[in-house]
Amino acid sequence: IASSVIGCYVWLVGAPVSALRAWFTLSTYLVLRACGRASSPTEALALSGTWLLSQEPLLVFDLGTQLSFGVTWCLLRDFSTNPPELLVVGHGGRIEVRRRRWWHSWIRSALIAWLASTCILVWWQGRFGLMGWFTNLLLTPWFVFVVLPLASLSLVISYLDLFLHSTFGTTLGILATELGDFGFYITQ
């Protein structure tokens, strides 16, 4: 079900490489797991990259493709070798394993994504920006906790608007239209 929902999303947004990568990687991982074959997320990423390049070989020269696959690979490698749930701390001569704090994983993943993209951008453009890490650190929660819920609410209200107009007339439909417009303007 998740794969088909993401497939519809990929089709709606015009099938950019980053969305295709996410969809194919998830689908490959789920199919391999369903077949009983132990698969790692990096293996699924490699298979999805192979499939995309077999369809369009010139994508290997595309900056967006390199950024999408390169950053995802670095994040998957980090999380597979150093799970975000565990933090190993040495105290004197003993080792203690405990759960990592959420903000530690958040800062770490933003830093890894920035370092991976910086390597690719230096190769392509000969320069890099220092604010990418900080911007990613601040804007990710903004989009996840503010923009995405308000956009989803706006979408639900717009469908509610169609239902209310056809069922109850214009009074409730106008209210739903105004609420949907408010949600749309907030997310822009």
C-alpha atoms as a PDB file:
ATOM      1  CA  ILE A   1       0.000   0.000   0.000  1.00  0.00           C
ATOM      2  CA  ALA A   2       2.802   2.434   0.897  1.00  0.00           C
ATOM      3  CA  SER A   3       4.525   1.829  -2.419  1.00  0.00           C
ATOM      4  CA  SER A   4       1.358   2.521  -4.429  1.00  0.00           C
ATOM      5  CA  VAL A   5       0.625   5.721  -2.469  1.00  0.00           C
ATOM      6  CA  ILE A   6       4.163   6.965  -3.061  1.00  0.00           C
ATOM      7  CA  GLY A   7       3.864   5.944  -6.727  1.00  0.00           C
ATOM      8  CA  CYS A   8       0.761   8.149  -7.065  1.00  0.00           C
ATOM      9  CA  TYR A   9       2.652  11.013  -5.438  1.00  0.00           C
ATOM     10  CA  VAL A  10       5.595  10.550  -7.809  1.00  0.00           C
ATOM     11  CA  TRP A  11       3.224  10.656 -10.765  1.00  0.00           C
ATOM     12  CA  LEU A  12       1.472  13.793  -9.405  1.00  0.00           C
ATOM     13  CA  VAL A  13       4.714  15.750  -8.963  1.00  0.00           C
ATOM     14  CA  GLY A  14       6.028  14.920 -12.438  1.00  0.00           C
ATOM     15  CA  ALA A  15       8.428  12.084 -11.573  1.00  0.00           C
ATOM     16  CA  PRO A  16      11.624  13.982 -10.675  1.00  0.00           C
ATOM     17  CA  VAL A  17      14.714  11.868 -10.065  1.00  0.00           C
ATOM     18  CA  SER A  18      14.647  12.388  -6.285  1.00  0.00           C
ATOM     19  CA  ALA A  19      11.038  11.173  -6.033  1.00  0.00           C
ATOM     20  CA  LEU A  20      11.733   8.224  -8.353  1.00  0.00           C
ATOM     21  CA  ARG A  21      14.769   7.332  -6.241  1.00  0.00           C
ATOM     22  CA  ALA A  22      12.710   7.333  -3.043  1.00  0.00           C
ATOM     23  CA  TRP A  23       9.899   5.321  -4.609  1.00  0.00           C
ATOM     24  CA  PHE A  24      12.109   2.721  -6.298  1.00  0.00           C
ATOM     25  CA  THR A  25      14.307   2.333  -3.226  1.00  0.00           C
ATOM     26  CA  LEU A  26      11.342   1.767  -0.921  1.00  0.00           C
ATOM     27  CA  SER A  27       9.603  -0.538  -3.392  1.00  0.00           C
ATOM     28  CA  THR A  28      12.762  -2.590  -3.966  1.00  0.00           C
ATOM     29  CA  TYR A  29      13.389  -2.876  -0.236  1.00  0.00           C
ATOM     30  CA  LEU A  30       9.795  -3.963   0.469  1.00  0.00           C
ATOM     31  CA  VAL A  31       9.712  -6.495  -2.403  1.00  0.00           C
ATOM     32  CA  LEU A  32      13.008  -8.055  -1.338  1.00  0.00           C
ATOM     33  CA  ARG A  33      11.811  -8.276   2.272  1.00  0.00           C
ATOM     34  CA  ALA A  34       8.477  -9.801   1.170  1.00  0.00           C
ATOM     35  CA  CYS A  35      10.328 -12.443  -0.862  1.00  0.00           C
ATOM     36  CA  GLY A  36      12.224 -13.448   2.268  1.00  0.00           C
ATOM     37  CA  ARG A  37      15.545 -12.114   1.041  1.00  0.00           C
ATOM     38  CA  ALA A  38      17.433 -10.143   3.660  1.00  0.00           C
ATOM     39  CA  SER A  39      18.165  -6.791   2.075  1.00  0.00           C
ATOM     40  CA  SER A  40      19.836  -3.661   3.300  1.00  0.00           C
ATOM     41  CA  PRO A  41      18.564  -0.194   2.386  1.00  0.00           C
ATOM     42  CA  THR A  42      21.866   0.543   0.625  1.00  0.00           C
ATOM     43  CA  GLU A  43      21.364  -2.541  -1.570  1.00  0.00           C
ATOM     44  CA  ALA A  44      17.870  -1.317  -2.435  1.00  0.00           C
ATOM     45  CA  LEU A  45      19.321   2.116  -3.255  1.00  0.00           C
ATOM     46  CA  ALA A  46      21.917   0.529  -5.551  1.00  0.00           C
ATOM     47  CA  LEU A  47      19.268  -1.540  -7.335  1.00  0.00           C
ATOM     48  CA  SER A  48      17.033   1.493  -7.833  1.00  0.00           C
ATOM     49  CA  GLY A  49      19.986   3.490  -9.175  1.00  0.00           C
ATOM     50  CA  THR A  50      20.838   0.680 -11.560  1.00  0.00           C
ATOM     51  CA  TRP A  51      17.257   0.551 -12.798  1.00  0.00           C
ATOM     52  CA  LEU A  52      17.061   4.334 -13.293  1.00  0.00           C
ATOM     53  CA  LEU A  53      20.373   4.407 -15.149  1.00  0.00           C
ATOM     54  CA  SER A  54      19.285   1.513 -17.359  1.00  0.00           C
ATOM     55  CA  GLN A  55      16.264   3.592 -18.396  1.00  0.00           C
ATOM     56  CA  GLU A  56      18.162   6.878 -18.837  1.00  0.00           C
ATOM     57  CA  PRO A  57      21.982   6.447 -18.833  1.00  0.00           C
ATOM     58  CA  LEU A  58      22.691  10.187 -19.116  1.00  0.00           C
ATOM     59  CA  LEU A  59      21.272  10.712 -15.612  1.00  0.00           C
ATOM     60  CA  VAL A  60      24.730   9.815 -14.340  1.00  0.00           C
ATOM     61  CA  PHE A  61      25.857  13.311 -15.464  1.00  0.00           C
ATOM     62  CA  ASP A  62      22.927  15.113 -13.805  1.00  0.00           C
ATOM     63  CA  LEU A  63      23.703  17.159 -10.685  1.00  0.00           C
ATOM     64  CA  GLY A  64      20.302  16.407  -9.145  1.00  0.00           C
ATOM     65  CA  THR A  65      20.799  12.671  -9.582  1.00  0.00           C
ATOM     66  CA  GLN A  66      24.252  12.781  -8.051  1.00  0.00           C
ATOM     67  CA  LEU A  67      23.023  14.845  -5.103  1.00  0.00           C
ATOM     68  CA  SER A  68      19.965  12.670  -4.535  1.00  0.00           C
ATOM     69  CA  PHE A  69      21.776   9.336  -4.637  1.00  0.00           C
ATOM     70  CA  GLY A  70      24.995  10.593  -3.013  1.00  0.00           C
ATOM     71  CA  VAL A  71      23.373  12.196   0.019  1.00  0.00           C
ATOM     72  CA  THR A  72      20.954   9.287   0.482  1.00  0.00           C
ATOM     73  CA  TRP A  73      23.797   6.785   0.281  1.00  0.00           C
ATOM     74  CA  CYS A  74      25.831   8.695   2.890  1.00  0.00           C
ATOM     75  CA  LEU A  75      22.849   8.904   5.253  1.00  0.00           C
ATOM     76  CA  LEU A  76      22.046   5.196   4.821  1.00  0.00           C
ATOM     77  CA  ARG A  77      25.685   4.205   5.401  1.00  0.00           C
ATOM     78  CA  ASP A  78      25.829   6.288   8.557  1.00  0.00           C
ATOM     79  CA  PHE A  79      22.575   4.925   9.956  1.00  0.00           C
ATOM     80  CA  SER A  80      23.470   1.321   9.107  1.00  0.00           C
ATOM     81  CA  THR A  81      26.884   1.499  10.801  1.00  0.00           C
ATOM     82  CA  ASN A  82      25.803   3.793  13.638  1.00  0.00           C
ATOM     83  CA  PRO A  83      22.094   3.309  14.450  1.00  0.00           C
ATOM     84  CA  PRO A  84      20.383   6.446  15.770  1.00  0.00           C
ATOM     85  CA  GLU A  85      18.884   4.514  18.692  1.00  0.00           C
ATOM     86  CA  LEU A  86      22.249   3.659  20.230  1.00  0.00           C
ATOM     87  CA  LEU A  87      25.062   5.791  21.537  1.00  0.00           C
ATOM     88  CA  VAL A  88      28.159   4.062  22.866  1.00  0.00           C
ATOM     89  CA  VAL A  89      29.872   6.012  25.619  1.00  0.00           C
ATOM     90  CA  GLY A  90      33.115   5.028  27.330  1.00  0.00           C
ATOM     91  CA  HIS A  91      33.474   5.759  31.057  1.00  0.00           C
ATOM     92  CA  GLY A  92      36.916   4.954  32.360  1.00  0.00           C
ATOM     93  CA  GLY A  93      37.382   1.337  31.314  1.00  0.00           C
ATOM     94  CA  ARG A  94      33.771   0.359  30.713  1.00  0.00           C
ATOM     95  CA  ILE A  95      31.447   0.925  27.774  1.00  0.00           C
ATOM     96  CA  GLU A  96      27.848   1.969  28.234  1.00  0.00           C
ATOM     97  CA  VAL A  97      25.213   1.749  25.497  1.00  0.00           C
ATOM     98  CA  ARG A  98      22.239   4.083  25.791  1.00  0.00           C
ATOM     99  CA  ARG A  99      19.576   5.671  23.665  1.00  0.00           C
ATOM    100  CA  ARG A 100      20.656   8.701  21.688  1.00  0.00           C
ATOM    101  CA  ARG A 101      18.706  11.923  22.106  1.00  0.00           C
ATOM    102  CA  TRP A 102      16.477  12.951  19.169  1.00  0.00           C
ATOM    103  CA  TRP A 103      18.285  16.223  18.607  1.00  0.00           C
ATOM    104  CA  HIS A 104      21.640  14.435  18.367  1.00  0.00           C
ATOM    105  CA  SER A 105      20.413  12.337  15.420  1.00  0.00           C
ATOM    106  CA  TRP A 106      18.782  15.386  13.844  1.00  0.00           C
ATOM    107  CA  ILE A 107      21.981  17.463  13.977  1.00  0.00           C
ATOM    108  CA  ARG A 108      24.097  14.504  12.849  1.00  0.00           C
ATOM    109  CA  SER A 109      21.940  13.727   9.808  1.00  0.00           C
ATOM    110  CA  ALA A 110      21.872  17.407   8.785  1.00  0.00           C
ATOM    111  CA  LEU A 111      25.649  17.560   9.055  1.00  0.00           C
ATOM    112  CA  ILE A 112      26.162  14.352   7.055  1.00  0.00           C
ATOM    113  CA  ALA A 113      23.769  15.544   4.328  1.00  0.00           C
ATOM    114  CA  TRP A 114      25.614  18.869   4.152  1.00  0.00           C
ATOM    115  CA  LEU A 115      29.050  17.228   3.956  1.00  0.00           C
ATOM    116  CA  ALA A 116      27.909  14.809   1.244  1.00  0.00           C
ATOM    117  CA  SER A 117      26.316  17.543  -0.835  1.00  0.00           C
ATOM    118  CA  THR A 118      29.320  19.827  -0.307  1.00  0.00           C
ATOM    119  CA  CYS A 119      31.659  17.264  -1.877  1.00  0.00           C
ATOM    120  CA  ILE A 120      29.435  16.982  -4.945  1.00  0.00           C
ATOM    121  CA  LEU A 121      28.895  20.750  -5.220  1.00  0.00           C
ATOM    122  CA  VAL A 122      32.625  21.499  -4.968  1.00  0.00           C
ATOM    123  CA  TRP A 123      33.201  19.072  -7.840  1.00  0.00           C
ATOM    124  CA  TRP A 124      30.471  20.683  -9.982  1.00  0.00           C
ATOM    125  CA  GLN A 125      30.782  24.352  -9.057  1.00  0.00           C
ATOM    126  CA  GLY A 126      34.212  24.732  -7.486  1.00  0.00           C
ATOM    127  CA  ARG A 127      32.754  26.297  -4.326  1.00  0.00           C
ATOM    128  CA  PHE A 128      30.453  25.540  -1.421  1.00  0.00           C
ATOM    129  CA  GLY A 129      28.228  27.362   1.031  1.00  0.00           C
ATOM    130  CA  LEU A 130      28.627  27.312   4.781  1.00  0.00           C
ATOM    131  CA  MET A 131      24.965  28.033   5.547  1.00  0.00           C
ATOM    132  CA  GLY A 132      23.566  24.849   3.970  1.00  0.00           C
ATOM    133  CA  TRP A 133      23.857  22.841   7.175  1.00  0.00           C
ATOM    134  CA  PHE A 134      22.265  25.537   9.305  1.00  0.00           C
ATOM    135  CA  THR A 135      19.475  26.149   6.783  1.00  0.00           C
ATOM    136  CA  ASN A 136      18.708  22.426   6.574  1.00  0.00           C
ATOM    137  CA  LEU A 137      18.680  22.228  10.359  1.00  0.00           C
ATOM    138  CA  LEU A 138      16.099  25.018  10.656  1.00  0.00           C
ATOM    139  CA  LEU A 139      13.914  24.489   7.596  1.00  0.00           C
ATOM    140  CA  THR A 140      13.384  20.733   7.942  1.00  0.00           C
ATOM    141  CA  PRO A 141      11.259  21.059  11.110  1.00  0.00           C
ATOM    142  CA  TRP A 142       9.447  24.063   9.618  1.00  0.00           C
ATOM    143  CA  PHE A 143       8.349  22.051   6.590  1.00  0.00           C
ATOM    144  CA  VAL A 144       7.630  18.851   8.535  1.00  0.00           C
ATOM    145  CA  PHE A 145       5.683  20.379  11.413  1.00  0.00           C
ATOM    146  CA  VAL A 146       4.128  23.521   9.850  1.00  0.00           C
ATOM    147  CA  VAL A 147       4.005  23.525   6.051  1.00  0.00           C
ATOM    148  CA  LEU A 148       3.130  19.861   5.447  1.00  0.00           C
ATOM    149  CA  PRO A 149       0.271  19.691   8.013  1.00  0.00           C
ATOM    150  CA  LEU A 150      -1.215  22.988   6.803  1.00  0.00           C
ATOM    151  CA  ALA A 151      -0.962  21.934   3.157  1.00  0.00           C
ATOM    152  CA  SER A 152      -2.617  18.603   3.999  1.00  0.00           C
ATOM    153  CA  LEU A 153      -5.350  20.403   5.939  1.00  0.00           C
ATOM    154  CA  SER A 154      -5.874  22.749   2.998  1.00  0.00           C
ATOM    155  CA  LEU A 155      -6.224  19.775   0.654  1.00  0.00           C
ATOM    156  CA  VAL A 156      -8.738  18.067   2.951  1.00  0.00           C
ATOM    157  CA  ILE A 157     -10.730  21.286   3.292  1.00  0.00           C
ATOM    158  CA  SER A 158     -10.787  21.800  -0.470  1.00  0.00           C
ATOM    159  CA  TYR A 159     -12.266  18.302  -0.914  1.00  0.00           C
ATOM    160  CA  LEU A 160     -14.640  19.064   1.943  1.00  0.00           C
ATOM    161  CA  ASP A 161     -15.590  22.227   0.049  1.00  0.00           C
ATOM    162  CA  LEU A 162     -16.646  20.173  -2.993  1.00  0.00           C
ATOM    163  CA  PHE A 163     -18.642  17.815  -0.797  1.00  0.00           C
ATOM    164  CA  LEU A 164     -20.355  20.600   1.162  1.00  0.00           C
ATOM    165  CA  HIS A 165     -21.255  22.590  -1.964  1.00  0.00           C
ATOM    166  CA  SER A 166     -22.885  19.575  -3.577  1.00  0.00           C
ATOM    167  CA  THR A 167     -24.616  18.322  -0.433  1.00  0.00           C
ATOM    168  CA  PHE A 168     -25.563  21.251   1.786  1.00  0.00           C
ATOM    169  CA  GLY A 169     -25.506  24.260  -0.491  1.00  0.00           C
ATOM    170  CA  THR A 170     -23.361  27.337  -0.460  1.00  0.00           C
ATOM    171  CA  THR A 171     -23.250  28.455   3.200  1.00  0.00           C
ATOM    172  CA  LEU A 172     -21.023  25.660   4.506  1.00  0.00           C
ATOM    173  CA  GLY A 173     -19.212  25.490   1.164  1.00  0.00           C
ATOM    174  CA  ILE A 174     -18.157  29.145   1.413  1.00  0.00           C
ATOM    175  CA  LEU A 175     -16.827  28.524   4.930  1.00  0.00           C
ATOM    176  CA  ALA A 176     -14.796  25.532   3.699  1.00  0.00           C
ATOM    177  CA  THR A 177     -13.493  27.597   0.759  1.00  0.00           C
ATOM    178  CA  GLU A 178     -12.291  30.366   3.071  1.00  0.00           C
ATOM    179  CA  LEU A 179     -10.605  27.894   5.421  1.00  0.00           C
ATOM    180  CA  GLY A 180      -8.923  26.175   2.465  1.00  0.00           C
ATOM    181  CA  ASP A 181      -7.686  29.497   1.082  1.00  0.00           C
ATOM    182  CA  PHE A 182      -6.308  30.424   4.506  1.00  0.00           C
ATOM    183  CA  GLY A 183      -4.374  27.147   4.704  1.00  0.00           C
ATOM    184  CA  PHE A 184      -3.075  27.660   1.150  1.00  0.00           C
ATOM    185  CA  TYR A 185      -1.781  31.167   1.874  1.00  0.00           C
ATOM    186  CA  ILE A 186      -0.112  30.088   5.108  1.00  0.00           C
ATOM    187  CA  THR A 187       1.866  27.346   3.337  1.00  0.00           C
ATOM    188  CA  GLN A 188       3.218  29.586   0.574  1.00  0.00           C
END
